[in-house]
Amino acid sequence: MDPATSYGILSLLPPLVAVVLAFITRDAVFSLLIGILVGIGVTGQNILFGFTGLVQDALGNADFIWVVCIEVFVGIMVAYFQKSGAIDAFTKKISKRNINAVGAQVISWLLGIFIFFSDYFSPLYVGTVMKGITDKARVSREKLSYICSSTSAPVCTLIPFSAWGVYEAGLLVGLGAFADKTIATNAVVKMVPYNFYGIISIALVGLIAMGIVPDFGPMRKAEKRARETGKVIADGAKPMLGKELEQIKPNEGVEANLLINFFGPAVIIIGVTLGTYLVTGNAKTLEGFIAAVVFQFVTMLFQKMATVQELEEQ
């Protein structure tokens, strides 16, 4: 199949099927699978052999491998955050101020804006950090999920040197709109004011977090349940965060330094990503995560928070 082939309006069918099924079945994986199969059918390929060929191509694709590597290092980072006690330290620091629901929501929103370099890392980081604070303030997990998800990707789309910016520049070059990534990146920068989805989404989250725009629909019901009964998680809901991460606890007597253990890794990722973008014109997000994990590993050893063996097991 020629990758440049245009299928017109039929190109909208696979994502439309996936989105509709996601609403009907509440199962994202199943819906995406059916959407992929519909896409294979649209291109005129055999469903069975086309799917296996697609999987083989994807597994050997450099972009897919890059995403997998990002996810691996994101998982390691969050595990190290737990082991260092940085998340507990931040939670205790904020909890001393008796933050109410609006305050907890606004902090979650601002933290999501701060983690602008990766829409993979942002929801996992902000959700893990803030859930203890929002639970205490009786903010539903549905509300926290909305704040995390609707801040992460939109923020990334507005930052040219984020993973999204690099991806968009690559698409423009691949489509033949520009000759090289430098020119394409300049175009991405100029398109930022017209990224209405990103701008409106971030602004709307902020307005809802501040209580200026009231909750509505199912979110209103979820918030009413949380405020009146204290049930921040709906009956029958299945938390998506793996139990393995929740079981990781800091060693006895460990006291985290917020500047080093909590903010340090994020600052390093920003520094590496922004630095490589300014020097080479290509943001090295993966290298930023690797540098942050190495920083966590070394600092935790020097602070005697864990042994080499304990850190290797995380």
C-alpha atoms as a PDB file:
ATOM      1  CA  MET A   1       0.000   0.000   0.000  1.00  0.00           C
ATOM      2  CA  ASP A   2       1.255   3.441  -0.921  1.00  0.00           C
ATOM      3  CA  PRO A   3       1.369   5.492   2.322  1.00  0.00           C
ATOM      4  CA  ALA A   4       0.529   8.635   0.321  1.00  0.00           C
ATOM      5  CA  THR A   5      -2.783   7.177  -0.968  1.00  0.00           C
ATOM      6  CA  SER A   6      -5.780   9.349  -0.090  1.00  0.00           C
ATOM      7  CA  TYR A   7      -9.050   7.677   0.911  1.00  0.00           C
ATOM      8  CA  GLY A   8     -11.034  10.874   1.274  1.00  0.00           C
ATOM      9  CA  ILE A   9     -13.872  10.917   3.756  1.00  0.00           C
ATOM     10  CA  LEU A  10     -13.416   7.178   4.391  1.00  0.00           C
ATOM     11  CA  SER A  11     -10.274   8.114   6.346  1.00  0.00           C
ATOM     12  CA  LEU A  12     -12.596   9.376   9.104  1.00  0.00           C
ATOM     13  CA  LEU A  13     -14.359   6.020   9.476  1.00  0.00           C
ATOM     14  CA  PRO A  14     -11.766   4.163  11.644  1.00  0.00           C
ATOM     15  CA  PRO A  15     -11.418   6.902  14.305  1.00  0.00           C
ATOM     16  CA  LEU A  16     -15.181   7.510  14.251  1.00  0.00           C
ATOM     17  CA  VAL A  17     -15.873   3.815  14.882  1.00  0.00           C
ATOM     18  CA  ALA A  18     -13.279   3.727  17.664  1.00  0.00           C
ATOM     19  CA  VAL A  19     -14.713   6.804  19.422  1.00  0.00           C
ATOM     20  CA  VAL A  20     -18.345   5.651  19.153  1.00  0.00           C
ATOM     21  CA  LEU A  21     -17.468   2.167  20.432  1.00  0.00           C
ATOM     22  CA  ALA A  22     -15.474   3.665  23.299  1.00  0.00           C
ATOM     23  CA  PHE A  23     -18.594   5.531  24.462  1.00  0.00           C
ATOM     24  CA  ILE A  24     -20.802   2.460  24.038  1.00  0.00           C
ATOM     25  CA  THR A  25     -18.524  -0.230  25.503  1.00  0.00           C
ATOM     26  CA  ARG A  26     -16.415   1.880  27.898  1.00  0.00           C
ATOM     27  CA  ASP A  27     -13.486  -0.263  26.712  1.00  0.00           C
ATOM     28  CA  ALA A  28     -10.724   1.760  25.026  1.00  0.00           C
ATOM     29  CA  VAL A  29      -8.544  -1.211  24.014  1.00  0.00           C
ATOM     30  CA  PHE A  30     -11.379  -3.112  22.331  1.00  0.00           C
ATOM     31  CA  SER A  31     -12.590   0.045  20.579  1.00  0.00           C
ATOM     32  CA  LEU A  32      -9.117   0.870  19.258  1.00  0.00           C
ATOM     33  CA  LEU A  33      -8.698  -2.710  18.010  1.00  0.00           C
ATOM     34  CA  ILE A  34     -11.960  -2.551  16.054  1.00  0.00           C
ATOM     35  CA  GLY A  35     -10.966   0.871  14.716  1.00  0.00           C
ATOM     36  CA  ILE A  36      -7.671  -0.586  13.462  1.00  0.00           C
ATOM     37  CA  LEU A  37      -9.462  -3.488  11.760  1.00  0.00           C
ATOM     38  CA  VAL A  38     -11.870  -1.058  10.089  1.00  0.00           C
ATOM     39  CA  GLY A  39      -8.878   0.982   8.912  1.00  0.00           C
ATOM     40  CA  ILE A  40      -7.296  -2.125   7.396  1.00  0.00           C
ATOM     41  CA  GLY A  41     -10.571  -2.863   5.623  1.00  0.00           C
ATOM     42  CA  VAL A  42     -10.758   0.693   4.269  1.00  0.00           C
ATOM     43  CA  THR A  43      -7.317   0.314   2.689  1.00  0.00           C
ATOM     44  CA  GLY A  44      -8.494  -2.847   0.922  1.00  0.00           C
ATOM     45  CA  GLN A  45      -6.172  -5.235   2.734  1.00  0.00           C
ATOM     46  CA  ASN A  46      -6.988  -8.697   4.045  1.00  0.00           C
ATOM     47  CA  ILE A  47      -8.137  -8.228   7.663  1.00  0.00           C
ATOM     48  CA  LEU A  48      -6.089 -11.130   9.093  1.00  0.00           C
ATOM     49  CA  PHE A  49      -2.861 -10.727   7.134  1.00  0.00           C
ATOM     50  CA  GLY A  50      -3.143  -6.966   7.072  1.00  0.00           C
ATOM     51  CA  PHE A  51      -3.390  -6.871  10.874  1.00  0.00           C
ATOM     52  CA  THR A  52      -0.403  -9.173  11.455  1.00  0.00           C
ATOM     53  CA  GLY A  53       1.645  -7.177   8.949  1.00  0.00           C
ATOM     54  CA  LEU A  54       0.655  -3.955  10.697  1.00  0.00           C
ATOM     55  CA  VAL A  55       1.731  -5.360  14.078  1.00  0.00           C
ATOM     56  CA  GLN A  56       5.084  -6.470  12.665  1.00  0.00           C
ATOM     57  CA  ASP A  57       5.684  -3.072  11.078  1.00  0.00           C
ATOM     58  CA  ALA A  58       4.701  -1.278  14.291  1.00  0.00           C
ATOM     59  CA  LEU A  59       6.953  -3.386  16.518  1.00  0.00           C
ATOM     60  CA  GLY A  60       9.908  -2.621  14.279  1.00  0.00           C
ATOM     61  CA  ASN A  61       9.049   1.049  13.928  1.00  0.00           C
ATOM     62  CA  ALA A  62      11.507   3.498  15.492  1.00  0.00           C
ATOM     63  CA  ASP A  63       8.698   5.727  16.771  1.00  0.00           C
ATOM     64  CA  PHE A  64       7.009   2.782  18.505  1.00  0.00           C
ATOM     65  CA  ILE A  65      10.272   1.750  20.158  1.00  0.00           C
ATOM     66  CA  TRP A  66      10.795   5.376  21.255  1.00  0.00           C
ATOM     67  CA  VAL A  67       7.356   5.433  22.909  1.00  0.00           C
ATOM     68  CA  VAL A  68       8.028   2.112  24.673  1.00  0.00           C
ATOM     69  CA  CYS A  69      11.344   3.449  25.996  1.00  0.00           C
ATOM     70  CA  ILE A  70       9.619   6.614  27.235  1.00  0.00           C
ATOM     71  CA  GLU A  71       7.004   4.513  29.059  1.00  0.00           C
ATOM     72  CA  VAL A  72       9.698   2.344  30.660  1.00  0.00           C
ATOM     73  CA  PHE A  73      11.604   5.331  32.038  1.00  0.00           C
ATOM     74  CA  VAL A  74       8.372   7.033  33.132  1.00  0.00           C
ATOM     75  CA  GLY A  75       7.574   3.931  35.183  1.00  0.00           C
ATOM     76  CA  ILE A  76      11.065   3.880  36.711  1.00  0.00           C
ATOM     77  CA  MET A  77      10.839   7.585  37.576  1.00  0.00           C
ATOM     78  CA  VAL A  78       7.497   7.217  39.350  1.00  0.00           C
ATOM     79  CA  ALA A  79       8.807   4.177  41.256  1.00  0.00           C
ATOM     80  CA  TYR A  80      11.839   6.213  42.382  1.00  0.00           C
ATOM     81  CA  PHE A  81       9.566   9.086  43.412  1.00  0.00           C
ATOM     82  CA  GLN A  82       7.701   6.634  45.634  1.00  0.00           C
ATOM     83  CA  LYS A  83      10.870   5.036  47.018  1.00  0.00           C
ATOM     84  CA  SER A  84      12.485   8.385  47.839  1.00  0.00           C
ATOM     85  CA  GLY A  85       9.427   9.525  49.778  1.00  0.00           C
ATOM     86  CA  ALA A  86       9.242  12.659  47.598  1.00  0.00           C
ATOM     87  CA  ILE A  87       5.533  12.233  46.912  1.00  0.00           C
ATOM     88  CA  ASP A  88       4.721  11.697  50.602  1.00  0.00           C
ATOM     89  CA  ALA A  89       6.835  14.741  51.518  1.00  0.00           C
ATOM     90  CA  PHE A  90       5.024  16.953  49.004  1.00  0.00           C
ATOM     91  CA  THR A  91       1.631  15.673  50.173  1.00  0.00           C
ATOM     92  CA  LYS A  92       2.465  16.374  53.834  1.00  0.00           C
ATOM     93  CA  LYS A  93       3.792  19.846  52.978  1.00  0.00           C
ATOM     94  CA  ILE A  94       0.620  20.808  51.121  1.00  0.00           C
ATOM     95  CA  SER A  95      -1.706  19.110  53.631  1.00  0.00           C
ATOM     96  CA  LYS A  96      -0.376  21.330  56.440  1.00  0.00           C
ATOM     97  CA  ARG A  97      -2.047  24.283  54.735  1.00  0.00           C
ATOM     98  CA  ASN A  98      -5.522  22.690  54.948  1.00  0.00           C
ATOM     99  CA  ILE A  99      -6.117  22.965  51.218  1.00  0.00           C
ATOM    100  CA  ASN A 100      -9.796  22.920  50.234  1.00  0.00           C
ATOM    101  CA  ALA A 101     -11.257  21.323  47.110  1.00  0.00           C
ATOM    102  CA  VAL A 102     -10.713  24.370  44.889  1.00  0.00           C
ATOM    103  CA  GLY A 103      -7.127  24.743  46.087  1.00  0.00           C
ATOM    104  CA  ALA A 104      -6.364  21.058  45.445  1.00  0.00           C
ATOM    105  CA  GLN A 105      -7.831  21.310  41.955  1.00  0.00           C
ATOM    106  CA  VAL A 106      -5.894  24.455  41.080  1.00  0.00           C
ATOM    107  CA  ILE A 107      -2.609  22.946  42.325  1.00  0.00           C
ATOM    108  CA  SER A 108      -3.278  19.861  40.161  1.00  0.00           C
ATOM    109  CA  TRP A 109      -3.893  22.109  37.151  1.00  0.00           C
ATOM    110  CA  LEU A 110      -0.745  24.189  37.719  1.00  0.00           C
ATOM    111  CA  LEU A 111       1.373  21.073  38.259  1.00  0.00           C
ATOM    112  CA  GLY A 112       0.056  19.691  34.963  1.00  0.00           C
ATOM    113  CA  ILE A 113       1.132  22.894  33.209  1.00  0.00           C
ATOM    114  CA  PHE A 114       4.584  22.644  34.807  1.00  0.00           C
ATOM    115  CA  ILE A 115       5.039  19.107  33.419  1.00  0.00           C
ATOM    116  CA  PHE A 116       4.691  20.344  29.839  1.00  0.00           C
ATOM    117  CA  PHE A 117       7.371  18.195  28.236  1.00  0.00           C
ATOM    118  CA  SER A 118       5.532  14.854  28.022  1.00  0.00           C
ATOM    119  CA  ASP A 119       1.851  13.957  27.867  1.00  0.00           C
ATOM    120  CA  TYR A 120       2.852  10.394  28.852  1.00  0.00           C
ATOM    121  CA  PHE A 121       4.507  11.412  32.106  1.00  0.00           C
ATOM    122  CA  SER A 122       2.234  14.281  33.121  1.00  0.00           C
ATOM    123  CA  PRO A 123      -1.007  12.415  34.052  1.00  0.00           C
ATOM    124  CA  LEU A 124       0.880   9.641  35.843  1.00  0.00           C
ATOM    125  CA  TYR A 125       3.040  12.097  37.777  1.00  0.00           C
ATOM    126  CA  VAL A 126       0.326  14.622  38.655  1.00  0.00           C
ATOM    127  CA  GLY A 127      -2.229  11.926  39.459  1.00  0.00           C
ATOM    128  CA  THR A 128       0.161  10.036  41.732  1.00  0.00           C
ATOM    129  CA  VAL A 129       1.324  13.205  43.480  1.00  0.00           C
ATOM    130  CA  MET A 130      -2.073  14.827  43.944  1.00  0.00           C
ATOM    131  CA  LYS A 131      -4.453  11.956  44.705  1.00  0.00           C
ATOM    132  CA  GLY A 132      -3.666  12.002  48.434  1.00  0.00           C
ATOM    133  CA  ILE A 133      -4.344  15.748  48.570  1.00  0.00           C
ATOM    134  CA  THR A 134      -7.509  15.664  46.439  1.00  0.00           C
ATOM    135  CA  ASP A 135      -8.835  12.639  48.344  1.00  0.00           C
ATOM    136  CA  LYS A 136      -8.483  14.553  51.608  1.00  0.00           C
ATOM    137  CA  ALA A 137     -10.285  17.535  50.042  1.00  0.00           C
ATOM    138  CA  ARG A 138     -13.051  15.200  48.805  1.00  0.00           C
ATOM    139  CA  VAL A 139     -12.409  15.793  45.135  1.00  0.00           C
ATOM    140  CA  SER A 140     -13.614  12.842  43.071  1.00  0.00           C
ATOM    141  CA  ARG A 141     -11.067  10.787  41.164  1.00  0.00           C
ATOM    142  CA  GLU A 142     -13.123  11.510  38.056  1.00  0.00           C
ATOM    143  CA  LYS A 143     -12.425  15.223  38.537  1.00  0.00           C
ATOM    144  CA  LEU A 144      -8.723  14.626  39.154  1.00  0.00           C
ATOM    145  CA  SER A 145      -8.538  12.439  36.032  1.00  0.00           C
ATOM    146  CA  TYR A 146     -10.188  15.162  33.963  1.00  0.00           C
ATOM    147  CA  ILE A 147      -7.784  17.823  35.238  1.00  0.00           C
ATOM    148  CA  CYS A 148      -4.734  15.618  34.584  1.00  0.00           C
ATOM    149  CA  SER A 149      -5.791  14.405  31.134  1.00  0.00           C
ATOM    150  CA  SER A 150      -7.159  17.689  29.809  1.00  0.00           C
ATOM    151  CA  THR A 151      -4.058  19.608  30.862  1.00  0.00           C
ATOM    152  CA  SER A 152      -1.286  17.201  29.808  1.00  0.00           C
ATOM    153  CA  ALA A 153      -1.619  16.821  26.022  1.00  0.00           C
ATOM    154  CA  PRO A 154      -3.013  20.345  25.363  1.00  0.00           C
ATOM    155  CA  VAL A 155      -0.023  21.906  27.149  1.00  0.00           C
ATOM    156  CA  CYS A 156       2.386  19.745  25.145  1.00  0.00           C
ATOM    157  CA  THR A 157       0.770  20.794  21.862  1.00  0.00           C
ATOM    158  CA  LEU A 158       1.521  24.442  22.688  1.00  0.00           C
ATOM    159  CA  ILE A 159       5.230  23.883  23.389  1.00  0.00           C
ATOM    160  CA  PRO A 160       7.366  23.583  20.207  1.00  0.00           C
ATOM    161  CA  PHE A 161      10.213  21.731  21.952  1.00  0.00           C
ATOM    162  CA  SER A 162       7.947  19.151  23.615  1.00  0.00           C
ATOM    163  CA  ALA A 163       7.489  15.644  22.200  1.00  0.00           C
ATOM    164  CA  TRP A 164       4.334  16.908  20.479  1.00  0.00           C
ATOM    165  CA  GLY A 165       6.143  19.807  18.812  1.00  0.00           C
ATOM    166  CA  VAL A 166       8.811  17.492  17.420  1.00  0.00           C
ATOM    167  CA  TYR A 167       6.125  15.081  16.212  1.00  0.00           C
ATOM    168  CA  GLU A 168       4.155  17.837  14.479  1.00  0.00           C
ATOM    169  CA  ALA A 169       7.283  19.150  12.746  1.00  0.00           C
ATOM    170  CA  GLY A 170       8.066  15.610  11.586  1.00  0.00           C
ATOM    171  CA  LEU A 171       4.563  15.238  10.146  1.00  0.00           C
ATOM    172  CA  LEU A 172       4.896  18.483   8.196  1.00  0.00           C
ATOM    173  CA  VAL A 173       8.185  17.294   6.689  1.00  0.00           C
ATOM    174  CA  GLY A 174       6.761  13.836   5.967  1.00  0.00           C
ATOM    175  CA  LEU A 175       3.783  15.327   4.146  1.00  0.00           C
ATOM    176  CA  GLY A 176       6.128  17.384   1.989  1.00  0.00           C
ATOM    177  CA  ALA A 177       4.919  20.731   3.312  1.00  0.00           C
ATOM    178  CA  PHE A 178       8.465  21.764   4.295  1.00  0.00           C
ATOM    179  CA  ALA A 179      11.935  20.717   3.217  1.00  0.00           C
ATOM    180  CA  ASP A 180      13.479  20.184   6.652  1.00  0.00           C
ATOM    181  CA  LYS A 181      12.600  20.071  10.351  1.00  0.00           C
ATOM    182  CA  THR A 182      14.059  23.488  11.153  1.00  0.00           C
ATOM    183  CA  ILE A 183      11.644  25.257   8.815  1.00  0.00           C
ATOM    184  CA  ALA A 184       8.822  22.963   9.952  1.00  0.00           C
ATOM    185  CA  THR A 185       9.544  23.767  13.617  1.00  0.00           C
ATOM    186  CA  ASN A 186       9.359  27.491  12.867  1.00  0.00           C
ATOM    187  CA  ALA A 187       5.966  26.829  11.293  1.00  0.00           C
ATOM    188  CA  VAL A 188       4.842  24.950  14.414  1.00  0.00           C
ATOM    189  CA  VAL A 189       5.842  27.977  16.525  1.00  0.00           C
ATOM    190  CA  LYS A 190       3.793  30.300  14.308  1.00  0.00           C
ATOM    191  CA  MET A 191       0.790  27.953  14.546  1.00  0.00           C
ATOM    192  CA  VAL A 192       0.652  28.095  18.370  1.00  0.00           C
ATOM    193  CA  PRO A 193      -1.772  31.093  18.532  1.00  0.00           C
ATOM    194  CA  TYR A 194      -4.143  29.145  16.268  1.00  0.00           C
ATOM    195  CA  ASN A 195      -4.100  25.993  18.411  1.00  0.00           C
ATOM    196  CA  PHE A 196      -7.573  26.734  19.719  1.00  0.00           C
ATOM    197  CA  TYR A 197      -8.095  23.248  21.142  1.00  0.00           C
ATOM    198  CA  GLY A 198      -5.007  23.457  23.343  1.00  0.00           C
ATOM    199  CA  ILE A 199      -5.641  27.025  24.506  1.00  0.00           C
ATOM    200  CA  ILE A 200      -9.366  26.557  25.211  1.00  0.00           C
ATOM    201  CA  SER A 201      -8.851  23.181  26.894  1.00  0.00           C
ATOM    202  CA  ILE A 202      -6.232  24.506  29.331  1.00  0.00           C
ATOM    203  CA  ALA A 203      -8.286  27.621  30.070  1.00  0.00           C
ATOM    204  CA  LEU A 204     -11.466  25.598  30.614  1.00  0.00           C
ATOM    205  CA  VAL A 205      -9.725  23.221  33.030  1.00  0.00           C
ATOM    206  CA  GLY A 206      -8.475  26.219  34.994  1.00  0.00           C
ATOM    207  CA  LEU A 207     -11.919  27.827  35.125  1.00  0.00           C
ATOM    208  CA  ILE A 208     -13.529  24.568  36.265  1.00  0.00           C
ATOM    209  CA  ALA A 209     -10.769  23.973  38.825  1.00  0.00           C
ATOM    210  CA  MET A 210     -11.307  27.468  40.257  1.00  0.00           C
ATOM    211  CA  GLY A 211     -15.057  26.914  40.415  1.00  0.00           C
ATOM    212  CA  ILE A 212     -15.779  29.749  37.977  1.00  0.00           C
ATOM    213  CA  VAL A 213     -17.332  27.282  35.521  1.00  0.00           C
ATOM    214  CA  PRO A 214     -19.577  24.878  37.483  1.00  0.00           C
ATOM    215  CA  ASP A 215     -19.432  21.100  37.140  1.00  0.00           C
ATOM    216  CA  PHE A 216     -22.133  19.591  34.949  1.00  0.00           C
ATOM    217  CA  GLY A 217     -23.413  16.205  33.806  1.00  0.00           C
ATOM    218  CA  PRO A 218     -21.775  13.056  35.210  1.00  0.00           C
ATOM    219  CA  MET A 219     -18.961  15.155  36.715  1.00  0.00           C
ATOM    220  CA  ARG A 220     -21.456  17.022  38.855  1.00  0.00           C
ATOM    221  CA  LYS A 221     -22.845  13.720  40.146  1.00  0.00           C
ATOM    222  CA  ALA A 222     -19.333  12.420  40.881  1.00  0.00           C
ATOM    223  CA  GLU A 223     -18.435  15.567  42.800  1.00  0.00           C
ATOM    224  CA  LYS A 224     -21.686  15.449  44.772  1.00  0.00           C
ATOM    225  CA  ARG A 225     -20.942  11.832  45.741  1.00  0.00           C
ATOM    226  CA  ALA A 226     -17.402  12.693  46.840  1.00  0.00           C
ATOM    227  CA  ARG A 227     -18.390  15.782  48.846  1.00  0.00           C
ATOM    228  CA  GLU A 228     -21.418  14.251  50.589  1.00  0.00           C
ATOM    229  CA  THR A 229     -20.237  10.680  51.219  1.00  0.00           C
ATOM    230  CA  GLY A 230     -16.445  10.944  51.035  1.00  0.00           C
ATOM    231  CA  LYS A 231     -16.388   8.299  48.284  1.00  0.00           C
ATOM    232  CA  VAL A 232     -13.812   9.722  45.898  1.00  0.00           C
ATOM    233  CA  ILE A 233     -13.865   6.491  43.877  1.00  0.00           C
ATOM    234  CA  ALA A 234     -17.182   5.278  42.486  1.00  0.00           C
ATOM    235  CA  ASP A 235     -18.464   1.859  43.503  1.00  0.00           C
ATOM    236  CA  GLY A 236     -17.204  -0.748  41.047  1.00  0.00           C
ATOM    237  CA  ALA A 237     -14.553   1.560  39.572  1.00  0.00           C
ATOM    238  CA  LYS A 238     -11.203   0.015  38.726  1.00  0.00           C
ATOM    239  CA  PRO A 239      -8.206   2.301  39.406  1.00  0.00           C
ATOM    240  CA  MET A 240      -5.835   2.191  36.420  1.00  0.00           C
ATOM    241  CA  LEU A 241      -2.631   2.707  38.417  1.00  0.00           C
ATOM    242  CA  GLY A 242      -0.902  -0.627  38.995  1.00  0.00           C
ATOM    243  CA  LYS A 243      -0.837  -1.945  42.556  1.00  0.00           C
ATOM    244  CA  GLU A 244       2.905  -2.527  42.219  1.00  0.00           C
ATOM    245  CA  LEU A 245       3.596   1.223  42.340  1.00  0.00           C
ATOM    246  CA  GLU A 246       1.345   1.727  45.361  1.00  0.00           C
ATOM    247  CA  GLN A 247       3.213  -1.019  47.217  1.00  0.00           C
ATOM    248  CA  ILE A 248       6.559   0.778  46.875  1.00  0.00           C
ATOM    249  CA  LYS A 249       7.305   2.503  50.168  1.00  0.00           C
ATOM    250  CA  PRO A 250      10.324   4.554  51.336  1.00  0.00           C
ATOM    251  CA  ASN A 251      12.661   2.896  53.815  1.00  0.00           C
ATOM    252  CA  GLU A 252      12.340   3.637  57.517  1.00  0.00           C
ATOM    253  CA  GLY A 253      13.778   7.006  58.499  1.00  0.00           C
ATOM    254  CA  VAL A 254      13.979   8.300  54.923  1.00  0.00           C
ATOM    255  CA  GLU A 255      13.317  12.032  54.606  1.00  0.00           C
ATOM    256  CA  ALA A 256      13.042  13.466  51.116  1.00  0.00           C
ATOM    257  CA  ASN A 257      14.374  16.835  50.044  1.00  0.00           C
ATOM    258  CA  LEU A 258      11.606  18.445  47.986  1.00  0.00           C
ATOM    259  CA  LEU A 259      14.004  20.529  45.909  1.00  0.00           C
ATOM    260  CA  ILE A 260      16.228  17.567  45.005  1.00  0.00           C
ATOM    261  CA  ASN A 261      13.902  14.566  45.051  1.00  0.00           C
ATOM    262  CA  PHE A 262      10.614  16.109  43.940  1.00  0.00           C
ATOM    263  CA  PHE A 263      11.414  19.028  41.621  1.00  0.00           C
ATOM    264  CA  GLY A 264      14.956  18.008  40.601  1.00  0.00           C
ATOM    265  CA  PRO A 265      14.089  15.233  38.098  1.00  0.00           C
ATOM    266  CA  ALA A 266      11.460  17.377  36.347  1.00  0.00           C
ATOM    267  CA  VAL A 267      13.868  20.316  36.085  1.00  0.00           C
ATOM    268  CA  ILE A 268      16.511  18.029  34.550  1.00  0.00           C
ATOM    269  CA  ILE A 269      14.068  16.776  31.914  1.00  0.00           C
ATOM    270  CA  ILE A 270      13.107  20.352  31.060  1.00  0.00           C
ATOM    271  CA  GLY A 271      16.782  21.369  30.926  1.00  0.00           C
ATOM    272  CA  VAL A 272      17.834  18.507  28.645  1.00  0.00           C
ATOM    273  CA  THR A 273      14.771  18.844  26.396  1.00  0.00           C
ATOM    274  CA  LEU A 274      15.030  22.623  26.065  1.00  0.00           C
ATOM    275  CA  GLY A 275      18.841  22.589  25.843  1.00  0.00           C
ATOM    276  CA  THR A 276      18.991  20.029  23.042  1.00  0.00           C
ATOM    277  CA  TYR A 277      16.219  21.879  21.215  1.00  0.00           C
ATOM    278  CA  LEU A 278      18.096  25.190  21.358  1.00  0.00           C
ATOM    279  CA  VAL A 279      21.438  23.634  20.368  1.00  0.00           C
ATOM    280  CA  THR A 280      20.403  21.053  17.766  1.00  0.00           C
ATOM    281  CA  GLY A 281      16.856  22.079  16.866  1.00  0.00           C
ATOM    282  CA  ASN A 282      15.665  18.628  17.964  1.00  0.00           C
ATOM    283  CA  ALA A 283      14.298  18.137  21.497  1.00  0.00           C
ATOM    284  CA  LYS A 284      15.709  14.960  23.077  1.00  0.00           C
ATOM    285  CA  THR A 285      12.857  14.026  25.409  1.00  0.00           C
ATOM    286  CA  LEU A 286      13.927  10.406  25.897  1.00  0.00           C
ATOM    287  CA  GLU A 287      17.453  11.478  26.791  1.00  0.00           C
ATOM    288  CA  GLY A 288      15.907  13.878  29.314  1.00  0.00           C
ATOM    289  CA  PHE A 289      14.079  11.024  31.037  1.00  0.00           C
ATOM    290  CA  ILE A 290      17.227   8.891  31.063  1.00  0.00           C
ATOM    291  CA  ALA A 291      19.202  11.756  32.632  1.00  0.00           C
ATOM    292  CA  ALA A 292      16.465  12.261  35.256  1.00  0.00           C
ATOM    293  CA  VAL A 293      16.444   8.564  36.195  1.00  0.00           C
ATOM    294  CA  VAL A 294      20.245   8.560  36.516  1.00  0.00           C
ATOM    295  CA  PHE A 295      19.978  11.690  38.694  1.00  0.00           C
ATOM    296  CA  GLN A 296      17.398   9.991  40.925  1.00  0.00           C
ATOM    297  CA  PHE A 297      19.502   6.832  41.174  1.00  0.00           C
ATOM    298  CA  VAL A 298      22.693   8.673  42.146  1.00  0.00           C
ATOM    299  CA  THR A 299      21.098  11.161  44.560  1.00  0.00           C
ATOM    300  CA  MET A 300      19.128   8.447  46.351  1.00  0.00           C
ATOM    301  CA  LEU A 301      22.337   6.476  46.858  1.00  0.00           C
ATOM    302  CA  PHE A 302      24.168   9.532  48.224  1.00  0.00           C
ATOM    303  CA  GLN A 303      21.218  10.325  50.493  1.00  0.00           C
ATOM    304  CA  LYS A 304      21.239   6.686  51.655  1.00  0.00           C
ATOM    305  CA  MET A 305      17.568   6.297  50.811  1.00  0.00           C
ATOM    306  CA  ALA A 306      18.076   2.872  49.263  1.00  0.00           C
ATOM    307  CA  THR A 307      20.750   0.381  48.258  1.00  0.00           C
ATOM    308  CA  VAL A 308      21.811  -0.339  44.687  1.00  0.00           C
ATOM    309  CA  GLN A 309      19.958  -3.650  44.846  1.00  0.00           C
ATOM    310  CA  GLU A 310      16.741  -1.992  46.035  1.00  0.00           C
ATOM    311  CA  LEU A 311      16.893   0.583  43.252  1.00  0.00           C
ATOM    312  CA  GLU A 312      17.560  -2.096  40.640  1.00  0.00           C
ATOM    313  CA  GLU A 313      14.484  -3.997  41.799  1.00  0.00           C
ATOM    314  CA  GLN A 314      12.114  -1.064  41.319  1.00  0.00           C
END
